[in-house]
Amino acid sequence: MKGIKIVFWVVWRVWFYIVMAIPILVMLPFLIVSILTESGYPYFFKMARIWAKFILIGMGFYYTVERLQQLEKGKSYMIVANHTSMTDIMLTLAIVRNPFVFVGKKELVKIPLFGFFYKRTCILVDRNSSKSKNEVFKRAQDRLNQGLSICIFPEGGVPDDETILLDEFKDGAFRLAIEHQIPIVPIVFPDNKERFSYTFFSGSPGKMRAKVLPFIETSGLKGENRKELRDKVRQLIYNELLEFQKKK
């Protein structure tokens, strides 16, 4: 039985990269045109949402989303969520309709084909470089000034220890949200670690739930409030994760 599971996981993990590539190849000319100018990003974003949904369906995932508040069209937000799986990217794209830009680790550039577009459309950060972090803020500010939203996974990465329910949050997302006085949109992904974690021999098709919590306003807040804001948002997401665990 264990041997069958191992074979399944190997095939399934390879299949993940195949289903990542299929929609990119199909839409390749349109994707390339959409990244030639910054004004083309909203069109790229629409195709990215198709790509994300194709992967989720192709991997045997079906998702449900509970929204306690709706995003307004044409308004900028700071989207934050817990981070446990590469599928966090796909699920965020699937459930958020407002065009947004990811702030993500530069290592994902190495993924063939995906990395080409990731490098040109996301804001990349080298977490070991203070210069890179400063450049992230400048690029994020430029995107917000264009009327887009930003998505950051504030844990700063996925913990090696998968028993950690929610790692500590970094300040960056909250500093940007305060500087631009935009609402924070907390999103909870309770199932992604179980469905498709970074452990190779693990995971299975099944249900992925998402919950969009009430937005946190930053109007009137100043830089010195960012740590308090950070801890407040983290506690909200953490409490929701605990509630989801109780319902298992």
Protein backbone atom coordinates (compact mmCIF):
# COMPACT_ATOMS: atom_id res chain seq x y z
CA MET A 1 0.00 0.00 0.00
CA LYS A 2 2.84 2.38 0.88
CA GLY A 3 4.47 1.64 -2.50
CA ILE A 4 1.26 2.58 -4.32
CA LYS A 5 1.10 5.86 -2.40
CA ILE A 6 4.69 6.71 -3.30
CA VAL A 7 4.03 6.04 -6.99
CA PHE A 8 0.88 8.20 -6.81
CA TRP A 9 2.75 11.09 -5.16
CA VAL A 10 5.56 10.99 -7.72
CA VAL A 11 3.15 10.98 -10.68
CA TRP A 12 0.90 13.58 -9.05
CA ARG A 13 3.77 15.98 -8.30
CA VAL A 14 5.08 15.69 -11.86
CA TRP A 15 1.53 16.22 -13.14
CA PHE A 16 1.40 19.48 -11.15
CA TYR A 17 4.16 21.00 -13.29
CA ILE A 18 2.51 19.70 -16.46
CA VAL A 19 -0.81 21.37 -15.65
CA MET A 20 1.12 24.55 -14.77
CA ALA A 21 2.64 24.55 -18.25
CA ILE A 22 -0.40 23.65 -20.40
CA PRO A 23 -2.39 26.93 -20.07
CA ILE A 24 0.81 28.99 -20.33
CA LEU A 25 1.66 27.33 -23.65
CA VAL A 26 -1.92 27.72 -24.93
CA MET A 27 -2.09 31.42 -24.02
CA LEU A 28 1.60 32.17 -24.69
CA PRO A 29 1.24 34.84 -27.44
CA PHE A 30 -1.40 36.73 -25.44
CA LEU A 31 0.62 36.48 -22.24
CA ILE A 32 3.72 37.88 -23.91
CA VAL A 33 1.78 40.82 -25.39
CA SER A 34 0.18 41.57 -22.01
CA ILE A 35 3.54 41.95 -20.22
CA LEU A 36 5.10 44.30 -22.79
CA THR A 37 3.63 47.33 -21.01
CA GLU A 38 2.49 48.01 -17.46
CA SER A 39 -0.93 49.02 -18.79
CA GLY A 40 -1.36 45.47 -20.07
CA TYR A 41 -1.15 43.96 -16.59
CA PRO A 42 -4.95 43.77 -15.97
CA TYR A 43 -5.22 41.57 -19.09
CA PHE A 44 -2.35 39.41 -17.87
CA PHE A 45 -4.11 39.12 -14.51
CA LYS A 46 -7.28 37.79 -16.14
CA MET A 47 -5.26 35.09 -17.90
CA ALA A 48 -3.41 34.33 -14.65
CA ARG A 49 -6.77 33.63 -12.99
CA ILE A 50 -7.65 31.18 -15.79
CA TRP A 51 -4.24 29.53 -15.31
CA ALA A 52 -4.78 29.22 -11.57
CA LYS A 53 -8.24 27.69 -11.86
CA PHE A 54 -7.00 25.25 -14.51
CA ILE A 55 -4.29 24.02 -12.13
CA LEU A 56 -6.66 23.63 -9.18
CA ILE A 57 -9.17 21.66 -11.25
CA GLY A 58 -6.45 19.66 -12.99
CA MET A 59 -4.98 18.61 -9.63
CA GLY A 60 -8.35 17.41 -8.38
CA PHE A 61 -8.90 20.32 -5.98
CA TYR A 62 -12.27 21.98 -5.55
CA TYR A 63 -12.52 25.16 -3.53
CA THR A 64 -15.12 27.03 -1.56
CA VAL A 65 -14.84 30.58 -0.33
CA GLU A 66 -16.67 32.36 2.47
CA ARG A 67 -16.60 36.14 2.10
CA LEU A 68 -17.40 38.26 5.13
CA GLN A 69 -16.77 41.40 3.08
CA GLN A 70 -16.54 42.10 -0.65
CA LEU A 71 -13.74 43.95 -2.43
CA GLU A 72 -14.82 47.05 -4.31
CA LYS A 73 -13.97 47.29 -7.99
CA GLY A 74 -11.26 49.85 -8.75
CA LYS A 75 -10.02 50.11 -5.17
CA SER A 76 -6.56 49.13 -3.93
CA TYR A 77 -6.06 46.70 -1.05
CA MET A 78 -3.28 44.94 0.83
CA ILE A 79 -4.11 41.23 0.63
CA VAL A 80 -2.48 38.98 3.24
CA ALA A 81 -2.87 35.26 3.94
CA ASN A 82 -1.22 32.38 5.74
CA HIS A 83 1.35 30.58 3.59
CA THR A 84 1.80 26.80 3.61
CA SER A 85 1.76 25.67 -0.03
CA MET A 86 2.56 26.72 -3.58
CA THR A 87 -1.16 26.38 -4.24
CA ASP A 88 -1.69 29.47 -2.05
CA ILE A 89 -0.76 31.45 -5.15
CA MET A 90 -3.35 29.70 -7.32
CA LEU A 91 -6.13 29.86 -4.74
CA THR A 92 -5.57 33.57 -4.11
CA LEU A 93 -5.78 34.25 -7.85
CA ALA A 94 -8.92 32.12 -8.12
CA ILE A 95 -10.87 33.91 -5.38
CA VAL A 96 -9.72 37.55 -5.75
CA ARG A 97 -11.10 39.35 -8.80
CA ASN A 98 -9.42 42.74 -8.26
CA PRO A 99 -6.09 42.89 -10.15
CA PHE A 100 -3.20 42.54 -7.71
CA VAL A 101 0.54 41.93 -7.79
CA PHE A 102 2.32 39.32 -5.70
CA VAL A 103 5.38 40.10 -3.63
CA GLY A 104 7.25 36.80 -3.63
CA LYS A 105 10.60 35.10 -3.19
CA LYS A 106 12.97 35.23 -6.14
CA GLU A 107 13.69 31.46 -5.97
CA LEU A 108 10.46 30.70 -7.90
CA VAL A 109 12.05 32.30 -10.98
CA LYS A 110 13.90 28.99 -11.46
CA ILE A 111 10.67 27.12 -12.35
CA PRO A 112 10.71 26.63 -16.15
CA LEU A 113 8.22 28.73 -18.14
CA PHE A 114 6.35 29.86 -15.01
CA GLY A 115 9.49 31.66 -13.83
CA PHE A 116 9.69 33.71 -17.04
CA PHE A 117 6.34 35.40 -16.35
CA TYR A 118 6.75 35.38 -12.57
CA LYS A 119 9.92 37.47 -12.88
CA ARG A 120 8.25 40.02 -15.14
CA THR A 121 4.94 40.46 -13.33
CA CYS A 122 5.64 39.94 -9.62
CA ILE A 123 7.70 41.97 -7.18
CA LEU A 124 10.63 39.76 -6.27
CA VAL A 125 12.43 39.91 -2.95
CA ASP A 126 15.73 38.46 -1.77
CA ARG A 127 15.04 38.05 1.92
CA ASN A 128 18.78 38.08 2.69
CA SER A 129 19.34 41.48 1.08
CA SER A 130 18.32 44.77 2.71
CA LYS A 131 18.80 46.51 -0.67
CA SER A 132 16.31 44.10 -2.26
CA LYS A 133 13.77 44.78 0.50
CA ASN A 134 14.03 48.55 -0.08
CA GLU A 135 13.51 48.05 -3.82
CA VAL A 136 10.40 45.99 -3.05
CA PHE A 137 8.82 48.95 -1.27
CA LYS A 138 9.51 51.24 -4.21
CA ARG A 139 8.04 48.81 -6.75
CA ALA A 140 5.03 48.10 -4.55
CA GLN A 141 4.39 51.82 -4.18
CA ASP A 142 4.52 52.22 -7.96
CA ARG A 143 1.96 49.45 -8.40
CA LEU A 144 -0.35 50.91 -5.75
CA ASN A 145 -0.09 54.30 -7.46
CA GLN A 146 -1.31 52.57 -10.64
CA GLY A 147 -4.47 51.53 -8.80
CA LEU A 148 -3.51 47.87 -8.35
CA SER A 149 -3.59 45.87 -5.11
CA ILE A 150 -0.68 44.04 -3.51
CA CYS A 151 -0.63 40.49 -2.12
CA ILE A 152 1.98 39.52 0.48
CA PHE A 153 2.29 36.37 2.55
CA PRO A 154 3.54 38.11 5.70
CA GLU A 155 5.15 35.03 7.24
CA GLY A 156 7.96 35.68 4.78
CA GLY A 157 8.09 32.08 3.62
CA VAL A 158 6.89 28.61 4.51
CA PRO A 159 8.29 27.23 7.80
CA ASP A 160 10.37 24.06 7.49
CA ASP A 161 8.51 22.73 10.54
CA GLU A 162 5.04 21.86 9.22
CA THR A 163 3.66 21.56 12.76
CA ILE A 164 3.76 25.38 12.98
CA LEU A 165 0.21 26.56 12.45
CA LEU A 166 1.13 30.16 11.70
CA ASP A 167 4.61 31.67 11.77
CA GLU A 168 5.44 35.16 12.98
CA PHE A 169 4.57 38.01 10.60
CA LYS A 170 7.01 40.47 9.02
CA ASP A 171 6.25 44.20 9.02
CA GLY A 172 6.41 44.95 5.29
CA ALA A 173 2.77 44.49 4.27
CA PHE A 174 1.54 46.58 7.18
CA ARG A 175 4.04 49.36 6.63
CA LEU A 176 2.91 49.65 3.00
CA ALA A 177 -0.77 49.52 3.93
CA ILE A 178 -0.33 52.35 6.42
CA GLU A 179 1.79 54.47 4.07
CA HIS A 180 -0.91 54.23 1.38
CA GLN A 181 -3.85 54.20 3.81
CA ILE A 182 -5.38 51.15 2.12
CA PRO A 183 -7.48 48.43 3.81
CA ILE A 184 -5.94 45.08 4.70
CA VAL A 185 -7.77 42.00 3.44
CA PRO A 186 -6.97 38.97 5.65
CA ILE A 187 -7.55 35.60 3.99
CA VAL A 188 -7.40 32.21 5.68
CA PHE A 189 -6.37 28.99 3.88
CA PRO A 190 -6.96 26.11 6.34
CA ASP A 191 -6.53 23.15 3.96
CA ASN A 192 -3.69 23.95 1.56
CA LYS A 193 -0.98 22.41 3.74
CA GLU A 194 -2.90 19.13 3.92
CA ARG A 195 -3.77 19.15 0.22
CA PHE A 196 -0.36 20.11 -1.23
CA SER A 197 2.45 20.95 1.17
CA TYR A 198 6.11 21.39 0.24
CA THR A 199 6.80 17.84 1.48
CA PHE A 200 7.12 15.81 -1.74
CA PHE A 201 5.52 12.57 -0.54
CA SER A 202 2.31 14.07 0.77
CA GLY A 203 -1.02 15.56 -0.23
CA SER A 204 -4.14 14.46 -2.05
CA PRO A 205 -6.95 15.83 -4.22
CA GLY A 206 -9.88 17.25 -2.27
CA LYS A 207 -11.50 20.32 -0.83
CA MET A 208 -9.75 23.64 -0.31
CA ARG A 209 -11.54 26.21 1.81
CA ALA A 210 -10.85 29.94 1.89
CA LYS A 211 -12.29 32.57 4.17
CA VAL A 212 -12.07 36.31 3.50
CA LEU A 213 -12.25 38.09 6.85
CA PRO A 214 -13.62 41.60 7.44
CA PHE A 215 -11.16 44.19 6.20
CA ILE A 216 -8.90 46.10 8.58
CA GLU A 217 -8.89 49.83 7.89
CA THR A 218 -5.62 51.76 8.12
CA SER A 219 -7.05 55.26 7.76
CA GLY A 220 -5.44 57.52 10.36
CA LEU A 221 -2.76 55.02 11.36
CA LYS A 222 0.92 56.01 11.32
CA GLY A 223 4.20 54.16 10.96
CA GLU A 224 4.54 53.56 14.68
CA ASN A 225 1.25 51.60 14.59
CA ARG A 226 2.52 48.95 12.16
CA LYS A 227 3.61 46.38 14.76
CA GLU A 228 0.29 46.63 16.58
CA LEU A 229 -1.53 46.28 13.26
CA ARG A 230 0.66 43.33 12.27
CA ASP A 231 -0.04 41.49 15.51
CA LYS A 232 -3.77 42.20 15.27
CA VAL A 233 -4.04 40.74 11.75
CA ARG A 234 -1.92 37.73 12.66
CA GLN A 235 -4.12 36.99 15.68
CA LEU A 236 -7.26 37.16 13.54
CA ILE A 237 -5.88 34.65 11.03
CA TYR A 238 -4.49 32.43 13.79
CA ASN A 239 -7.85 32.32 15.60
CA GLU A 240 -9.62 31.35 12.37
CA LEU A 241 -7.12 28.55 11.73
CA LEU A 242 -7.79 27.22 15.24
CA GLU A 243 -11.54 27.30 14.57
CA PHE A 244 -11.11 25.38 11.31
CA GLN A 245 -9.05 22.75 13.17
CA LYS A 246 -11.85 22.27 15.67
CA LYS A 247 -14.30 21.57 12.84
CA LYS A 248 -12.20 18.73 11.41
